[in-house]
Protein backbone atom coordinates (compact mmCIF):
# COMPACT_ATOMS: atom_id res chain seq x y z
CA MET A 1 -14.83 21.97 7.46
CA ASP A 2 -17.25 21.84 10.43
CA ASP A 3 -16.58 21.69 14.37
CA GLN A 4 -17.12 17.89 14.42
CA THR A 5 -14.30 16.99 11.40
CA LEU A 6 -12.10 19.82 12.78
CA LEU A 7 -12.30 17.84 16.02
CA ARG A 8 -12.10 14.32 15.05
CA TYR A 9 -8.56 15.27 13.09
CA THR A 10 -7.42 17.67 15.61
CA ARG A 11 -4.10 15.90 16.20
CA GLN A 12 -2.83 16.00 12.73
CA ILE A 13 -4.31 19.05 11.95
CA MET A 14 -1.89 20.72 14.64
CA LEU A 15 1.52 19.09 13.36
CA PRO A 16 3.47 21.40 11.26
CA GLY A 17 3.30 20.88 7.86
CA VAL A 18 -0.46 19.50 7.86
CA ASP A 19 -2.63 21.97 8.93
CA ILE A 20 -5.91 23.13 7.73
CA GLU A 21 -4.94 22.95 4.04
CA GLY A 22 -3.06 19.18 4.47
CA GLN A 23 -6.12 17.98 6.22
CA MET A 24 -8.09 19.43 3.28
CA LYS A 25 -5.92 17.49 0.70
CA LEU A 26 -6.33 14.45 2.66
CA GLY A 27 -10.16 14.80 2.27
CA GLN A 28 -10.12 15.49 -1.55
CA SER A 29 -7.79 12.39 -2.41
CA ARG A 30 -8.37 9.01 -3.99
CA VAL A 31 -5.95 6.14 -2.47
CA LEU A 32 -6.45 2.62 -4.31
CA ILE A 33 -5.40 -0.22 -2.32
CA ILE A 34 -4.97 -3.55 -3.47
CA GLY A 35 -5.31 -6.58 -1.09
CA MET A 36 -7.61 -6.55 2.02
CA GLY A 37 -5.03 -8.85 3.89
CA GLY A 38 -2.79 -8.46 6.68
CA LEU A 39 -1.14 -5.11 5.20
CA GLY A 40 -4.10 -3.89 3.72
CA SER A 41 -6.07 -3.82 6.83
CA PRO A 42 -3.92 -1.51 9.06
CA VAL A 43 -3.43 0.73 5.74
CA ALA A 44 -6.65 1.00 4.81
CA MET A 45 -7.79 1.22 8.84
CA TYR A 46 -5.04 4.25 9.32
CA LEU A 47 -6.18 6.12 5.97
CA ALA A 48 -9.46 6.11 6.82
CA ALA A 49 -9.03 6.79 10.34
CA ALA A 50 -6.89 9.75 9.22
CA GLY A 51 -9.50 11.20 6.78
CA VAL A 52 -8.08 10.13 3.30
CA GLY A 53 -11.72 11.07 1.20
CA GLN A 54 -12.05 8.36 -1.11
CA LEU A 55 -10.53 4.69 -0.51
CA VAL A 56 -11.21 1.99 -3.16
CA ILE A 57 -10.17 -1.44 -2.18
CA SER A 58 -9.96 -4.63 -4.20
CA ASP A 59 -9.76 -8.38 -3.19
CA PHE A 60 -11.29 -11.38 -4.52
CA ASP A 61 -11.28 -13.48 -1.62
CA ASN A 62 -13.33 -14.46 1.29
CA VAL A 63 -12.53 -14.22 5.00
CA GLU A 64 -11.00 -17.47 6.25
CA LEU A 65 -10.23 -18.63 10.17
CA SER A 66 -6.45 -18.58 9.37
CA ASN A 67 -6.83 -15.01 8.07
CA LEU A 68 -8.10 -13.61 11.78
CA GLN A 69 -4.57 -14.18 13.23
CA ARG A 70 -2.99 -10.85 11.36
CA GLN A 71 -5.64 -9.58 9.33
CA ILE A 72 -7.23 -7.33 11.52
CA ILE A 73 -10.21 -5.60 9.65
CA HIS A 74 -11.91 -8.94 9.78
CA ALA A 75 -13.65 -10.30 12.60
CA THR A 76 -14.59 -14.15 13.42
CA ALA A 77 -18.34 -13.19 12.17
CA ASP A 78 -16.97 -12.26 9.52
CA ILE A 79 -15.86 -16.08 7.85
CA GLY A 80 -16.69 -17.06 4.81
CA ARG A 81 -17.43 -13.32 3.92
CA PRO A 82 -15.82 -11.50 0.96
CA LYS A 83 -13.26 -9.48 2.44
CA VAL A 84 -14.16 -6.48 0.85
CA ASP A 85 -17.57 -6.40 2.59
CA SER A 86 -16.42 -7.31 5.92
CA ALA A 87 -13.55 -4.16 5.28
CA VAL A 88 -16.31 -1.61 4.16
CA GLU A 89 -18.18 -2.49 7.55
CA THR A 90 -15.00 -1.75 9.61
CA LEU A 91 -13.89 1.21 7.35
CA ARG A 92 -17.48 2.97 7.12
CA ALA A 93 -17.62 2.24 11.10
CA LEU A 94 -14.63 3.54 11.82
CA ASN A 95 -15.02 7.14 10.17
CA PRO A 96 -18.28 7.44 8.14
CA LEU A 97 -17.07 10.73 6.60
CA VAL A 98 -14.83 8.47 4.34
CA THR A 99 -16.47 6.97 1.09
CA VAL A 100 -15.23 3.34 0.48
CA THR A 101 -15.75 1.79 -2.91
CA PRO A 102 -15.05 -2.20 -3.00
CA ILE A 103 -13.92 -4.17 -5.66
CA ASN A 104 -14.75 -8.01 -5.05
CA ASP A 105 -12.82 -9.02 -8.33
CA VAL A 106 -9.47 -9.12 -9.76
CA LEU A 107 -8.21 -5.87 -10.67
CA ALA A 108 -6.65 -6.88 -13.91
CA GLY A 109 -5.10 -5.28 -17.74
CA GLU A 110 -7.46 -2.37 -18.86
CA SER A 111 -10.13 -1.94 -15.60
CA LEU A 112 -6.49 -2.00 -13.20
CA LEU A 113 -5.11 0.65 -15.34
CA ASP A 114 -8.45 2.42 -15.27
CA GLU A 115 -8.47 2.68 -11.27
CA VAL A 116 -4.70 3.13 -10.92
CA ARG A 117 -5.47 6.18 -13.10
CA ARG A 118 -8.01 7.54 -10.88
CA ALA A 119 -6.24 7.26 -7.85
CA ASP A 120 -3.32 9.93 -6.41
CA VAL A 121 -1.50 7.21 -4.79
CA VAL A 122 -1.76 3.19 -5.14
CA VAL A 123 -1.08 0.76 -2.68
CA ASP A 124 0.39 -2.58 -3.15
CA ALA A 125 -0.67 -4.71 0.02
CA CYS A 126 -1.10 -8.13 -2.15
CA ASP A 127 0.70 -11.41 -1.53
CA ASN A 128 2.22 -12.35 -4.99
CA LEU A 129 4.76 -11.20 -7.15
CA ALA A 130 2.67 -11.27 -10.47
CA THR A 131 0.19 -9.16 -9.30
CA ARG A 132 3.20 -6.87 -7.79
CA LEU A 133 4.37 -6.58 -11.16
CA ALA A 134 1.02 -5.83 -12.80
CA VAL A 135 0.21 -2.82 -10.37
CA ASN A 136 3.78 -1.99 -11.03
CA LYS A 137 3.69 -1.73 -14.80
CA ALA A 138 0.07 -0.07 -14.37
CA CYS A 139 1.31 2.79 -11.92
CA VAL A 140 4.40 3.52 -14.29
CA LYS A 141 2.19 3.62 -17.31
CA ALA A 142 -0.44 6.23 -15.73
CA ALA A 143 2.71 7.98 -13.93
CA THR A 144 0.91 7.47 -10.45
CA PRO A 145 2.93 6.90 -7.19
CA LEU A 146 2.84 3.26 -5.64
CA VAL A 147 3.90 2.42 -2.33
CA SER A 148 4.55 -1.18 -1.84
CA GLY A 149 4.91 -3.36 0.74
CA ALA A 150 5.73 -7.36 1.77
CA ALA A 151 6.13 -9.45 4.89
CA ILE A 152 6.77 -12.82 5.50
CA ARG A 153 8.21 -14.41 8.68
CA LEU A 154 10.05 -11.71 10.54
CA GLU A 155 11.12 -9.72 7.65
CA GLY A 156 9.13 -6.56 5.94
CA GLN A 157 9.94 -4.30 3.38
CA VAL A 158 8.63 -1.10 1.81
CA PHE A 159 9.18 0.54 -1.67
CA ILE A 160 7.95 3.61 -3.34
CA TYR A 161 7.89 4.35 -6.94
CA ARG A 162 7.53 8.22 -7.27
CA PRO A 163 6.99 8.91 -11.33
CA GLU A 164 7.98 12.63 -11.15
CA VAL A 165 11.54 11.87 -9.96
CA PRO A 166 11.37 9.62 -11.65
CA THR A 167 12.50 6.50 -8.77
CA ALA A 168 13.29 2.86 -10.27
CA CYS A 169 10.59 1.10 -10.10
CA TYR A 170 9.41 -2.42 -8.56
CA ARG A 171 9.89 -4.40 -11.91
CA CYS A 172 13.80 -2.96 -11.53
CA LEU A 173 14.45 -5.32 -8.59
CA PHE A 174 12.76 -8.19 -10.44
CA PRO A 175 13.16 -8.28 -13.85
CA SER A 176 12.24 -11.83 -14.45
CA GLU A 177 8.57 -12.95 -14.04
CA GLU A 178 9.03 -16.04 -12.22
CA GLU A 179 7.29 -16.45 -9.16
CA VAL A 180 8.26 -16.15 -5.84
CA THR A 181 7.25 -19.60 -4.09
CA ASP A 182 7.75 -18.16 -0.47
CA SER A 183 4.24 -16.90 1.10
CA CYS A 184 2.70 -16.59 4.50
CA ALA A 185 0.85 -20.29 4.25
CA GLU A 186 4.11 -22.02 3.68
CA SER A 187 6.19 -19.80 5.38
CA GLY A 188 4.45 -18.24 8.24
CA VAL A 189 4.33 -14.67 9.60
CA LEU A 190 4.18 -12.82 13.21
CA ALA A 191 1.30 -10.87 13.54
CA PRO A 192 2.38 -7.82 14.26
CA LEU A 193 4.65 -7.51 11.32
CA LEU A 194 2.21 -6.70 9.16
CA GLY A 195 1.13 -3.85 11.06
CA VAL A 196 4.27 -2.66 11.55
CA ILE A 197 4.73 -2.56 7.89
CA GLY A 198 1.22 -1.29 6.78
CA SER A 199 1.58 1.52 9.40
CA VAL A 200 4.53 2.45 7.60
CA GLN A 201 2.90 2.29 4.08
CA ALA A 202 0.38 4.61 5.69
CA VAL A 203 2.38 7.21 6.41
CA GLU A 204 4.12 7.57 3.18
CA VAL A 205 1.08 7.79 1.52
CA MET A 206 -0.24 10.54 3.65
CA LYS A 207 3.16 12.03 3.10
CA LEU A 208 3.05 11.98 -0.90
CA ILE A 209 -0.44 13.20 -0.41
CA ILE A 210 0.21 15.86 1.73
CA GLY A 211 3.70 17.06 0.57
CA LEU A 212 5.03 16.04 3.92
CA GLY A 213 8.59 15.73 4.73
CA LYS A 214 10.53 13.72 2.55
CA PRO A 215 9.21 10.58 1.21
CA LEU A 216 10.96 7.04 1.53
CA GLU A 217 13.84 6.39 -0.94
CA GLY A 218 14.55 3.03 -2.10
CA ILE A 219 13.60 -0.12 -0.11
CA LEU A 220 13.28 0.59 3.67
CA ILE A 221 13.91 -3.00 5.18
CA LEU A 222 12.75 -4.61 8.81
CA ASP A 223 14.47 -7.42 10.26
CA ALA A 224 12.32 -8.07 13.17
CA TYR A 225 14.22 -10.73 14.68
CA THR A 226 16.90 -8.45 15.68
CA MET A 227 14.72 -5.13 15.23
CA GLU A 228 16.93 -3.57 12.64
CA TRP A 229 15.75 -1.70 10.14
CA ARG A 230 17.81 -0.71 6.59
CA ASN A 231 17.61 1.59 3.87
CA ILE A 232 18.91 0.27 0.97
CA ARG A 233 19.17 2.67 -2.52
CA VAL A 234 17.63 1.30 -5.66
CA ARG A 235 19.12 2.44 -8.77
CA ARG A 236 16.70 2.78 -11.71
CA ASN A 237 17.40 0.26 -14.11
CA PRO A 238 17.44 2.07 -17.82
CA ARG A 239 16.90 -1.61 -19.48
CA CYS A 240 13.97 -2.41 -16.89
CA PRO A 241 11.37 -4.03 -19.16
CA THR A 242 8.70 -1.46 -17.32
CA CYS A 243 10.32 1.95 -16.82
CA GLY A 244 13.74 1.41 -18.93
CA THR A 245 14.25 1.68 -22.76
CA GLU A 246 16.66 -1.02 -23.21
CA THR A 247 17.13 -4.65 -23.64
CA PRO A 248 16.13 -5.85 -20.31
CA VAL A 249 18.61 -6.78 -18.14
CA HIS A 250 19.27 -7.69 -14.07
CA GLY A 251 18.48 -4.66 -11.68
CA HIS A 252 20.66 -4.25 -8.79
CA ALA A 253 20.55 -2.48 -5.25
CA VAL A 254 23.21 -1.15 -3.57
CA ASP A 255 23.64 -0.37 0.19
CA ALA A 256 22.98 3.52 1.24
């Protein structure tokens, strides 16, 4: 690690529990981010700035004017461009030491599983339940940690799946594959909320890579109307269709 690299990351390196060793772990890691929208934007930018060595970003949409209120990785001049192309430019300008690999396509099936297997951590920053469940299933099958985020209106949440524990998976919460109809397009969302939730996701990704502190357990929920945080403990469902071994039943969550 040369002097310029040390200077770039010095504020992290000086932290107890990070040091040179932790920074090197970040530099040697590979993170897959699904979605370059409101959540994927802050996640990718903070992980790039922090020195995660390889970022694989996946999105198949183009930048639209309505995205710019919250998807801060894109600019007005990017309208009409693929989101991954816009994001790659931003991330490389932010930190040229990071390798950014764009996937301008829908990751599904074996291609999704292959990318998940290659990643040290997967970030779910998508905006629909079907994709979340597919990503969760791939992470369970590949035994790859998953950091999932969601936000709508003034409400947000972060959930982590850690295979080594093992914790509950995302499907434990949603045993039915019925689509959730609420979306930002229909219900709206306050722009900074995405930044808050995405930043929490980025923190948890870095903690998992470095082995820093205590990873989030259960679901962390933010009610931005009152600025109240709540942590809900989630019990692993032994009958979960994804991570369980018995006949599927409804999962459940209990207040911690």
